[in-house]
């Protein structure tokens, strides 16, 4: 259930209340019993926790997985493979 912010003009107090979205009844202040008014607050992005990265919510790309499975070419292997080809041609 969502949490809403309220303001009581009688005792000049702000407070939060967990309420259903379908609940249309008024909210009374816990301290003075006055009629509270809902406060609309712009919501920014709030990240809570130990850390967030742009890749946390993305599924793994199958092409990236295939590239990582291939053995990496080393600088010396190009000359070696050329030698193998020349031997095969003979």
PDB file of N, CA and C in Angstrom:
ATOM      1  N   UNK A   1       0.843  -1.183   0.000  1.00  0.00           N
ATOM      2  CA  UNK A   1       0.000   0.000   0.000  1.00  0.00           C
ATOM      3  C   UNK A   1       0.885   1.240   0.000  1.00  0.00           C
ATOM      4  N   UNK A   2       0.448   2.277  -0.680  1.00  0.00           N
ATOM      5  CA  UNK A   2       1.253   3.498  -0.757  1.00  0.00           C
ATOM      6  C   UNK A   2       1.227   4.311   0.537  1.00  0.00           C
ATOM      7  N   UNK A   3       2.268   5.095   0.712  1.00  0.00           N
ATOM      8  CA  UNK A   3       2.394   5.991   1.857  1.00  0.00           C
ATOM      9  C   UNK A   3       2.136   7.418   1.363  1.00  0.00           C
ATOM     10  N   UNK A   4       1.234   8.123   2.028  1.00  0.00           N
ATOM     11  CA  UNK A   4       0.889   9.493   1.642  1.00  0.00           C
ATOM     12  C   UNK A   4       1.316  10.464   2.732  1.00  0.00           C
ATOM     13  N   UNK A   5       1.656  11.690   2.333  1.00  0.00           N
ATOM     14  CA  UNK A   5       2.010  12.759   3.271  1.00  0.00           C
ATOM     15  C   UNK A   5       0.774  13.608   3.532  1.00  0.00           C
ATOM     16  N   UNK A   6       0.591  13.982   4.805  1.00  0.00           N
ATOM     17  CA  UNK A   6      -0.539  14.812   5.209  1.00  0.00           C
ATOM     18  C   UNK A   6      -0.056  15.971   6.057  1.00  0.00           C
ATOM     19  N   UNK A   7      -0.868  17.049   6.053  1.00  0.00           N
ATOM     20  CA  UNK A   7      -0.580  18.236   6.848  1.00  0.00           C
ATOM     21  C   UNK A   7      -1.832  18.593   7.645  1.00  0.00           C
ATOM     22  N   UNK A   8      -1.627  18.815   8.953  1.00  0.00           N
ATOM     23  CA  UNK A   8      -2.735  19.243   9.807  1.00  0.00           C
ATOM     24  C   UNK A   8      -2.606  20.744  10.044  1.00  0.00           C
ATOM     25  N   UNK A   9      -3.528  21.563   9.524  1.00  0.00           N
ATOM     26  CA  UNK A   9      -3.436  23.016   9.723  1.00  0.00           C
ATOM     27  C   UNK A   9      -3.739  23.454  11.160  1.00  0.00           C
ATOM     28  N   UNK A  10      -4.418  22.617  11.939  1.00  0.00           N
ATOM     29  CA  UNK A  10      -4.769  22.976  13.309  1.00  0.00           C
ATOM     30  C   UNK A  10      -3.519  22.984  14.194  1.00  0.00           C
ATOM     31  N   UNK A  11      -2.723  21.915  14.153  1.00  0.00           N
ATOM     32  CA  UNK A  11      -1.531  21.836  15.008  1.00  0.00           C
ATOM     33  C   UNK A  11      -0.232  22.047  14.215  1.00  0.00           C
ATOM     34  N   UNK A  12      -0.338  22.390  12.932  1.00  0.00           N
ATOM     35  CA  UNK A  12       0.804  22.707  12.066  1.00  0.00           C
ATOM     36  C   UNK A  12       1.833  21.562  12.044  1.00  0.00           C
ATOM     37  N   UNK A  13       1.319  20.345  11.758  1.00  0.00           N
ATOM     38  CA  UNK A  13       2.161  19.156  11.792  1.00  0.00           C
ATOM     39  C   UNK A  13       2.032  18.376  10.493  1.00  0.00           C
ATOM     40  N   UNK A  14       3.182  17.863  10.024  1.00  0.00           N
ATOM     41  CA  UNK A  14       3.209  16.980   8.864  1.00  0.00           C
ATOM     42  C   UNK A  14       3.367  15.541   9.359  1.00  0.00           C
ATOM     43  N   UNK A  15       2.692  14.598   8.690  1.00  0.00           N
ATOM     44  CA  UNK A  15       2.826  13.190   9.044  1.00  0.00           C
ATOM     45  C   UNK A  15       2.520  12.327   7.826  1.00  0.00           C
ATOM     46  N   UNK A  16       2.890  11.057   7.930  1.00  0.00           N
ATOM     47  CA  UNK A  16       2.661  10.099   6.850  1.00  0.00           C
ATOM     48  C   UNK A  16       1.613   9.087   7.281  1.00  0.00           C
ATOM     49  N   UNK A  17       0.888   8.573   6.293  1.00  0.00           N
ATOM     50  CA  UNK A  17      -0.120   7.575   6.588  1.00  0.00           C
ATOM     51  C   UNK A  17      -0.153   6.565   5.449  1.00  0.00           C
ATOM     52  N   UNK A  18      -0.175   5.281   5.776  1.00  0.00           N
ATOM     53  CA  UNK A  18      -0.312   4.218   4.775  1.00  0.00           C
ATOM     54  C   UNK A  18      -1.799   4.028   4.517  1.00  0.00           C
ATOM     55  N   UNK A  19      -2.175   4.191   3.246  1.00  0.00           N
ATOM     56  CA  UNK A  19      -3.596   4.092   2.895  1.00  0.00           C
ATOM     57  C   UNK A  19      -3.773   3.414   1.556  1.00  0.00           C
ATOM     58  N   UNK A  20      -4.916   2.815   1.368  1.00  0.00           N
ATOM     59  CA  UNK A  20      -5.255   2.205   0.098  1.00  0.00           C
ATOM     60  C   UNK A  20      -5.565   3.302  -0.921  1.00  0.00           C
ATOM     61  N   UNK A  21      -5.324   3.011  -2.190  1.00  0.00           N
ATOM     62  CA  UNK A  21      -5.602   4.008  -3.233  1.00  0.00           C
ATOM     63  C   UNK A  21      -7.103   4.240  -3.387  1.00  0.00           C
ATOM     64  N   UNK A  22      -7.911   3.247  -3.041  1.00  0.00           N
ATOM     65  CA  UNK A  22      -9.366   3.375  -3.173  1.00  0.00           C
ATOM     66  C   UNK A  22     -10.006   4.058  -1.965  1.00  0.00           C
ATOM     67  N   UNK A  23      -9.262   4.250  -0.879  1.00  0.00           N
ATOM     68  CA  UNK A  23      -9.802   4.830   0.342  1.00  0.00           C
ATOM     69  C   UNK A  23     -10.051   6.324   0.148  1.00  0.00           C
ATOM     70  N   UNK A  24     -11.319   6.732   0.205  1.00  0.00           N
ATOM     71  CA  UNK A  24     -11.701   8.140  -0.022  1.00  0.00           C
ATOM     72  C   UNK A  24     -12.044   8.872   1.276  1.00  0.00           C
ATOM     73  N   UNK A  25     -11.984   8.212   2.404  1.00  0.00           N
ATOM     74  CA  UNK A  25     -12.318   8.848   3.682  1.00  0.00           C
ATOM     75  C   UNK A  25     -11.260   9.876   4.044  1.00  0.00           C
ATOM     76  N   UNK A  26     -11.670  10.901   4.801  1.00  0.00           N
ATOM     77  CA  UNK A  26     -10.745  11.917   5.270  1.00  0.00           C
ATOM     78  C   UNK A  26      -9.797  11.361   6.323  1.00  0.00           C
ATOM     79  N   UNK A  27      -8.705  12.060   6.535  1.00  0.00           N
ATOM     80  CA  UNK A  27      -7.704  11.637   7.515  1.00  0.00           C
ATOM     81  C   UNK A  27      -7.713  12.632   8.663  1.00  0.00           C
ATOM     82  N   UNK A  28      -7.757  12.115   9.867  1.00  0.00           N
ATOM     83  CA  UNK A  28      -7.730  12.954  11.059  1.00  0.00           C
ATOM     84  C   UNK A  28      -6.344  12.899  11.690  1.00  0.00           C
ATOM     85  N   UNK A  29      -5.920  14.018  12.251  1.00  0.00           N
ATOM     86  CA  UNK A  29      -4.635  14.113  12.917  1.00  0.00           C
ATOM     87  C   UNK A  29      -4.664  13.282  14.199  1.00  0.00           C
ATOM     88  N   UNK A  30      -3.565  12.585  14.469  1.00  0.00           N
ATOM     89  CA  UNK A  30      -3.483  11.751  15.671  1.00  0.00           C
ATOM     90  C   UNK A  30      -3.389  12.580  16.948  1.00  0.00           C
ATOM     91  N   UNK A  31      -2.774  13.767  16.873  1.00  0.00           N
ATOM     92  CA  UNK A  31      -2.579  14.590  18.077  1.00  0.00           C
ATOM     93  C   UNK A  31      -3.800  15.417  18.456  1.00  0.00           C
ATOM     94  N   UNK A  32      -4.320  16.180  17.490  1.00  0.00           N
ATOM     95  CA  UNK A  32      -5.403  17.106  17.827  1.00  0.00           C
ATOM     96  C   UNK A  32      -6.774  16.682  17.296  1.00  0.00           C
ATOM     97  N   UNK A  33      -6.807  15.706  16.367  1.00  0.00           N
ATOM     98  CA  UNK A  33      -8.085  15.256  15.815  1.00  0.00           C
ATOM     99  C   UNK A  33      -8.608  16.149  14.706  1.00  0.00           C
ATOM    100  N   UNK A  34      -7.805  17.115  14.262  1.00  0.00           N
ATOM    101  CA  UNK A  34      -8.224  18.009  13.185  1.00  0.00           C
ATOM    102  C   UNK A  34      -8.183  17.316  11.828  1.00  0.00           C
ATOM    103  N   UNK A  35      -8.915  17.910  10.864  1.00  0.00           N
ATOM    104  CA  UNK A  35      -8.961  17.360   9.510  1.00  0.00           C
ATOM    105  C   UNK A  35      -7.646  17.651   8.796  1.00  0.00           C
ATOM    106  N   UNK A  36      -6.953  16.611   8.357  1.00  0.00           N
ATOM    107  CA  UNK A  36      -5.668  16.764   7.675  1.00  0.00           C
ATOM    108  C   UNK A  36      -5.883  16.867   6.169  1.00  0.00           C
ATOM    109  N   UNK A  37      -4.942  17.519   5.524  1.00  0.00           N
ATOM    110  CA  UNK A  37      -4.983  17.730   4.079  1.00  0.00           C
ATOM    111  C   UNK A  37      -3.825  16.963   3.460  1.00  0.00           C
ATOM    112  N   UNK A  38      -4.101  16.307   2.346  1.00  0.00           N
ATOM    113  CA  UNK A  38      -3.037  15.551   1.678  1.00  0.00           C
ATOM    114  C   UNK A  38      -2.065  16.509   1.000  1.00  0.00           C
ATOM    115  N   UNK A  39      -0.777  16.237   1.156  1.00  0.00           N
ATOM    116  CA  UNK A  39       0.278  17.055   0.561  1.00  0.00           C
ATOM    117  C   UNK A  39       0.839  16.289  -0.636  1.00  0.00           C
ATOM    118  N   UNK A  40       0.851  16.950  -1.786  1.00  0.00           N
ATOM    119  CA  UNK A  40       1.395  16.328  -2.988  1.00  0.00           C
ATOM    120  C   UNK A  40       2.861  16.713  -3.113  1.00  0.00           C
ATOM    121  N   UNK A  41       3.712  15.692  -3.107  1.00  0.00           N
ATOM    122  CA  UNK A  41       5.152  15.895  -3.131  1.00  0.00           C
ATOM    123  C   UNK A  41       5.701  15.288  -4.416  1.00  0.00           C
ATOM    124  N   UNK A  42       6.495  16.060  -5.175  1.00  0.00           N
ATOM    125  CA  UNK A  42       7.098  15.461  -6.371  1.00  0.00           C
ATOM    126  C   UNK A  42       8.077  14.363  -5.965  1.00  0.00           C
ATOM    127  N   UNK A  43       7.981  13.247  -6.640  1.00  0.00           N
ATOM    128  CA  UNK A  43       8.815  12.104  -6.306  1.00  0.00           C
ATOM    129  C   UNK A  43       9.958  12.018  -7.298  1.00  0.00           C
ATOM    130  N   UNK A  44      11.160  12.012  -6.772  1.00  0.00           N
ATOM    131  CA  UNK A  44      12.330  11.808  -7.604  1.00  0.00           C
ATOM    132  C   UNK A  44      12.697  10.340  -7.596  1.00  0.00           C
ATOM    133  N   UNK A  45      13.736  10.007  -8.253  1.00  0.00           N
ATOM    134  CA  UNK A  45      14.205   8.630  -8.241  1.00  0.00           C
ATOM    135  C   UNK A  45      14.989   8.411  -6.961  1.00  0.00           C
ATOM    136  N   UNK A  46      14.603   7.405  -6.220  1.00  0.00           N
ATOM    137  CA  UNK A  46      15.254   7.101  -4.960  1.00  0.00           C
ATOM    138  C   UNK A  46      15.855   5.704  -5.054  1.00  0.00           C
ATOM    139  N   UNK A  47      17.167   5.627  -4.940  1.00  0.00           N
ATOM    140  CA  UNK A  47      17.853   4.345  -4.940  1.00  0.00           C
ATOM    141  C   UNK A  47      18.304   4.051  -3.523  1.00  0.00           C
ATOM    142  N   UNK A  48      17.817   2.977  -2.952  1.00  0.00           N
ATOM    143  CA  UNK A  48      18.209   2.599  -1.609  1.00  0.00           C
ATOM    144  C   UNK A  48      18.885   1.243  -1.675  1.00  0.00           C
ATOM    145  N   UNK A  49      19.975   1.115  -0.994  1.00  0.00           N
ATOM    146  CA  UNK A  49      20.670  -0.161  -0.978  1.00  0.00           C
ATOM    147  C   UNK A  49      22.163   0.021  -1.099  1.00  0.00           C
ATOM    148  N   UNK A  50      22.852  -1.091  -1.255  1.00  0.00           N
ATOM    149  CA  UNK A  50      24.309  -1.060  -1.263  1.00  0.00           C
ATOM    150  C   UNK A  50      24.890  -0.534  -2.565  1.00  0.00           C
ATOM    151  N   UNK A  51      24.188  -0.674  -3.681  1.00  0.00           N
ATOM    152  CA  UNK A  51      24.718  -0.170  -4.931  1.00  0.00           C
ATOM    153  C   UNK A  51      23.843  -0.567  -6.109  1.00  0.00           C
ATOM    154  N   UNK A  52      23.810   0.294  -7.109  1.00  0.00           N
ATOM    155  CA  UNK A  52      23.008   0.035  -8.290  1.00  0.00           C
ATOM    156  C   UNK A  52      23.847   0.326  -9.523  1.00  0.00           C
ATOM    157  N   UNK A  53      23.657  -0.488 -10.536  1.00  0.00           N
ATOM    158  CA  UNK A  53      24.376  -0.337 -11.785  1.00  0.00           C
ATOM    159  C   UNK A  53      23.382  -0.377 -12.934  1.00  0.00           C
ATOM    160  N   UNK A  54      23.770   0.165 -14.070  1.00  0.00           N
ATOM    161  CA  UNK A  54      22.860   0.180 -15.216  1.00  0.00           C
ATOM    162  C   UNK A  54      22.580  -1.209 -15.742  1.00  0.00           C
ATOM    163  N   UNK A  55      23.431  -2.167 -15.451  1.00  0.00           N
ATOM    164  CA  UNK A  55      23.232  -3.524 -15.950  1.00  0.00           C
ATOM    165  C   UNK A  55      22.433  -4.400 -14.995  1.00  0.00           C
ATOM    166  N   UNK A  56      22.024  -3.896 -13.854  1.00  0.00           N
ATOM    167  CA  UNK A  56      21.299  -4.713 -12.882  1.00  0.00           C
ATOM    168  C   UNK A  56      19.956  -5.201 -13.409  1.00  0.00           C
ATOM    169  N   UNK A  57      19.245  -4.385 -14.158  1.00  0.00           N
ATOM    170  CA  UNK A  57      17.904  -4.763 -14.583  1.00  0.00           C
ATOM    171  C   UNK A  57      17.859  -5.308 -15.999  1.00  0.00           C
ATOM    172  N   UNK A  58      18.961  -5.361 -16.666  1.00  0.00           N
ATOM    173  CA  UNK A  58      18.966  -5.833 -18.045  1.00  0.00           C
ATOM    174  C   UNK A  58      19.291  -7.319 -18.098  1.00  0.00           C
ATOM    175  N   UNK A  59      18.642  -7.986 -19.041  1.00  0.00           N
ATOM    176  CA  UNK A  59      18.981  -9.385 -19.230  1.00  0.00           C
ATOM    177  C   UNK A  59      20.273  -9.470 -20.027  1.00  0.00           C
ATOM    178  N   UNK A  60      20.927 -10.584 -19.933  1.00  0.00           N
ATOM    179  CA  UNK A  60      22.210 -10.738 -20.594  1.00  0.00           C
ATOM    180  C   UNK A  60      21.988 -10.889 -22.095  1.00  0.00           C
ATOM    181  N   UNK A  61      22.775 -10.188 -22.881  1.00  0.00           N
ATOM    182  CA  UNK A  61      22.680 -10.230 -24.331  1.00  0.00           C
ATOM    183  C   UNK A  61      23.312 -11.531 -24.827  1.00  0.00           C
ATOM    184  N   UNK A  62      22.613 -12.350 -25.622  1.00  0.00           N
ATOM    185  CA  UNK A  62      23.184 -13.608 -26.083  1.00  0.00           C
ATOM    186  C   UNK A  62      24.431 -13.410 -26.940  1.00  0.00           C
ATOM    187  N   UNK A  63      24.538 -12.287 -27.662  1.00  0.00           N
ATOM    188  CA  UNK A  63      25.718 -12.035 -28.479  1.00  0.00           C
ATOM    189  C   UNK A  63      26.936 -11.780 -27.609  1.00  0.00           C
ATOM    190  N   UNK A  64      26.751 -11.071 -26.496  1.00  0.00           N
ATOM    191  CA  UNK A  64      27.859 -10.836 -25.573  1.00  0.00           C
ATOM    192  C   UNK A  64      28.332 -12.155 -24.965  1.00  0.00           C
ATOM    193  N   UNK A  65      27.385 -13.043 -24.675  1.00  0.00           N
ATOM    194  CA  UNK A  65      27.733 -14.327 -24.097  1.00  0.00           C
ATOM    195  C   UNK A  65      28.554 -15.151 -25.095  1.00  0.00           C
ATOM    196  N   UNK A  66      28.191 -15.105 -26.386  1.00  0.00           N
ATOM    197  CA  UNK A  66      28.905 -15.858 -27.405  1.00  0.00           C
ATOM    198  C   UNK A  66      30.314 -15.308 -27.601  1.00  0.00           C
ATOM    199  N   UNK A  67      30.454 -13.985 -27.552  1.00  0.00           N
ATOM    200  CA  UNK A  67      31.777 -13.375 -27.727  1.00  0.00           C
ATOM    201  C   UNK A  67      32.703 -13.741 -26.576  1.00  0.00           C
ATOM    202  N   UNK A  68      32.155 -13.809 -25.372  1.00  0.00           N
ATOM    203  CA  UNK A  68      32.997 -14.126 -24.218  1.00  0.00           C
ATOM    204  C   UNK A  68      33.425 -15.597 -24.228  1.00  0.00           C
ATOM    205  N   UNK A  69      32.697 -16.455 -24.937  1.00  0.00           N
ATOM    206  CA  UNK A  69      33.036 -17.872 -24.991  1.00  0.00           C
ATOM    207  C   UNK A  69      34.177 -18.152 -25.967  1.00  0.00           C
ATOM    208  N   UNK A  70      34.403 -17.243 -26.937  1.00  0.00           N
ATOM    209  CA  UNK A  70      35.475 -17.437 -27.907  1.00  0.00           C
ATOM    210  C   UNK A  70      36.827 -17.187 -27.257  1.00  0.00           C
ATOM    211  N   UNK A  71      37.844 -17.986 -27.609  1.00  0.00           N
ATOM    212  CA  UNK A  71      39.183 -17.718 -27.068  1.00  0.00           C
ATOM    213  C   UNK A  71      39.747 -16.446 -27.679  1.00  0.00           C
ATOM    214  N   UNK A  72      40.438 -15.676 -26.865  1.00  0.00           N
ATOM    215  CA  UNK A  72      40.992 -14.416 -27.341  1.00  0.00           C
ATOM    216  C   UNK A  72      42.262 -14.683 -28.142  1.00  0.00           C
ATOM    217  N   UNK A  73      42.438 -13.927 -29.239  1.00  0.00           N
ATOM    218  CA  UNK A  73      43.628 -14.072 -30.085  1.00  0.00           C
ATOM    219  C   UNK A  73      44.772 -13.324 -29.443  1.00  0.00           C
ATOM    220  N   UNK A  74      45.925 -13.946 -29.372  1.00  0.00           N
ATOM    221  CA  UNK A  74      47.111 -13.298 -28.826  1.00  0.00           C
ATOM    222  C   UNK A  74      47.929 -12.733 -29.970  1.00  0.00           C
ATOM    223  N   UNK A  75      48.811 -11.838 -29.670  1.00  0.00           N
ATOM    224  CA  UNK A  75      49.605 -11.168 -30.702  1.00  0.00           C
ATOM    225  C   UNK A  75      50.465 -12.158 -31.467  1.00  0.00           C
ATOM    226  N   UNK A  76      51.014 -13.184 -30.839  1.00  0.00           N
ATOM    227  CA  UNK A  76      51.910 -14.124 -31.487  1.00  0.00           C
ATOM    228  C   UNK A  76      51.193 -15.195 -32.290  1.00  0.00           C
ATOM    229  N   UNK A  77      49.899 -15.361 -32.145  1.00  0.00           N
ATOM    230  CA  UNK A  77      49.205 -16.451 -32.819  1.00  0.00           C
ATOM    231  C   UNK A  77      48.999 -16.184 -34.301  1.00  0.00           C
ATOM    232  N   UNK A  78      48.979 -14.917 -34.719  1.00  0.00           N
ATOM    233  CA  UNK A  78      48.781 -14.636 -36.138  1.00  0.00           C
ATOM    234  C   UNK A  78      49.932 -15.186 -36.960  1.00  0.00           C
ATOM    235  N   UNK A  79      51.153 -14.998 -36.525  1.00  0.00           N
ATOM    236  CA  UNK A  79      52.302 -15.512 -37.265  1.00  0.00           C
ATOM    237  C   UNK A  79      52.330 -17.031 -37.209  1.00  0.00           C
ATOM    238  N   UNK A  80      51.897 -17.617 -36.075  1.00  0.00           N
ATOM    239  CA  UNK A  80      51.869 -19.068 -35.956  1.00  0.00           C
ATOM    240  C   UNK A  80      50.849 -19.674 -36.919  1.00  0.00           C
ATOM    241  N   UNK A  81      49.666 -19.041 -37.003  1.00  0.00           N
ATOM    242  CA  UNK A  81      48.643 -19.600 -37.878  1.00  0.00           C
ATOM    243  C   UNK A  81      49.052 -19.469 -39.335  1.00  0.00           C
ATOM    244  N   UNK A  82      49.796 -18.399 -39.669  1.00  0.00           N
ATOM    245  CA  UNK A  82      50.282 -18.252 -41.037  1.00  0.00           C
ATOM    246  C   UNK A  82      51.252 -19.359 -41.369  1.00  0.00           C
ATOM    247  N   UNK A  83      52.067 -19.754 -40.426  1.00  0.00           N
ATOM    248  CA  UNK A  83      53.003 -20.838 -40.634  1.00  0.00           C
ATOM    249  C   UNK A  83      52.279 -22.160 -40.836  1.00  0.00           C
ATOM    250  N   UNK A  84      51.199 -22.363 -40.105  1.00  0.00           N
ATOM    251  CA  UNK A  84      50.439 -23.598 -40.251  1.00  0.00           C
ATOM    252  C   UNK A  84      49.800 -23.669 -41.616  1.00  0.00           C
ATOM    253  N   UNK A  85      49.269 -22.518 -42.085  1.00  0.00           N
ATOM    254  CA  UNK A  85      48.651 -22.499 -43.404  1.00  0.00           C
ATOM    255  C   UNK A  85      49.682 -22.800 -44.495  1.00  0.00           C
ATOM    256  N   UNK A  86      50.876 -22.228 -44.352  1.00  0.00           N
ATOM    257  CA  UNK A  86      51.877 -22.464 -45.385  1.00  0.00           C
ATOM    258  C   UNK A  86      52.306 -23.930 -45.382  1.00  0.00           C
ATOM    259  N   UNK A  87      52.312 -24.567 -44.232  1.00  0.00           N
ATOM    260  CA  UNK A  87      52.668 -25.968 -44.169  1.00  0.00           C
ATOM    261  C   UNK A  87      51.586 -26.854 -44.785  1.00  0.00           C
ATOM    262  N   UNK A  88      50.325 -26.434 -44.613  1.00  0.00           N
ATOM    263  CA  UNK A  88      49.228 -27.214 -45.173  1.00  0.00           C
ATOM    264  C   UNK A  88      49.202 -27.125 -46.700  1.00  0.00           C
ATOM    265  N   UNK A  89      49.598 -25.973 -47.225  1.00  0.00           N
ATOM    266  CA  UNK A  89      49.589 -25.795 -48.674  1.00  0.00           C
ATOM    267  C   UNK A  89      50.678 -26.628 -49.327  1.00  0.00           C
ATOM    268  N   UNK A  90      51.774 -26.912 -48.676  1.00  0.00           N
ATOM    269  CA  UNK A  90      52.876 -27.654 -49.272  1.00  0.00           C
ATOM    270  C   UNK A  90      52.575 -29.068 -49.559  1.00  0.00           C
TER     271      UNK A  90
END
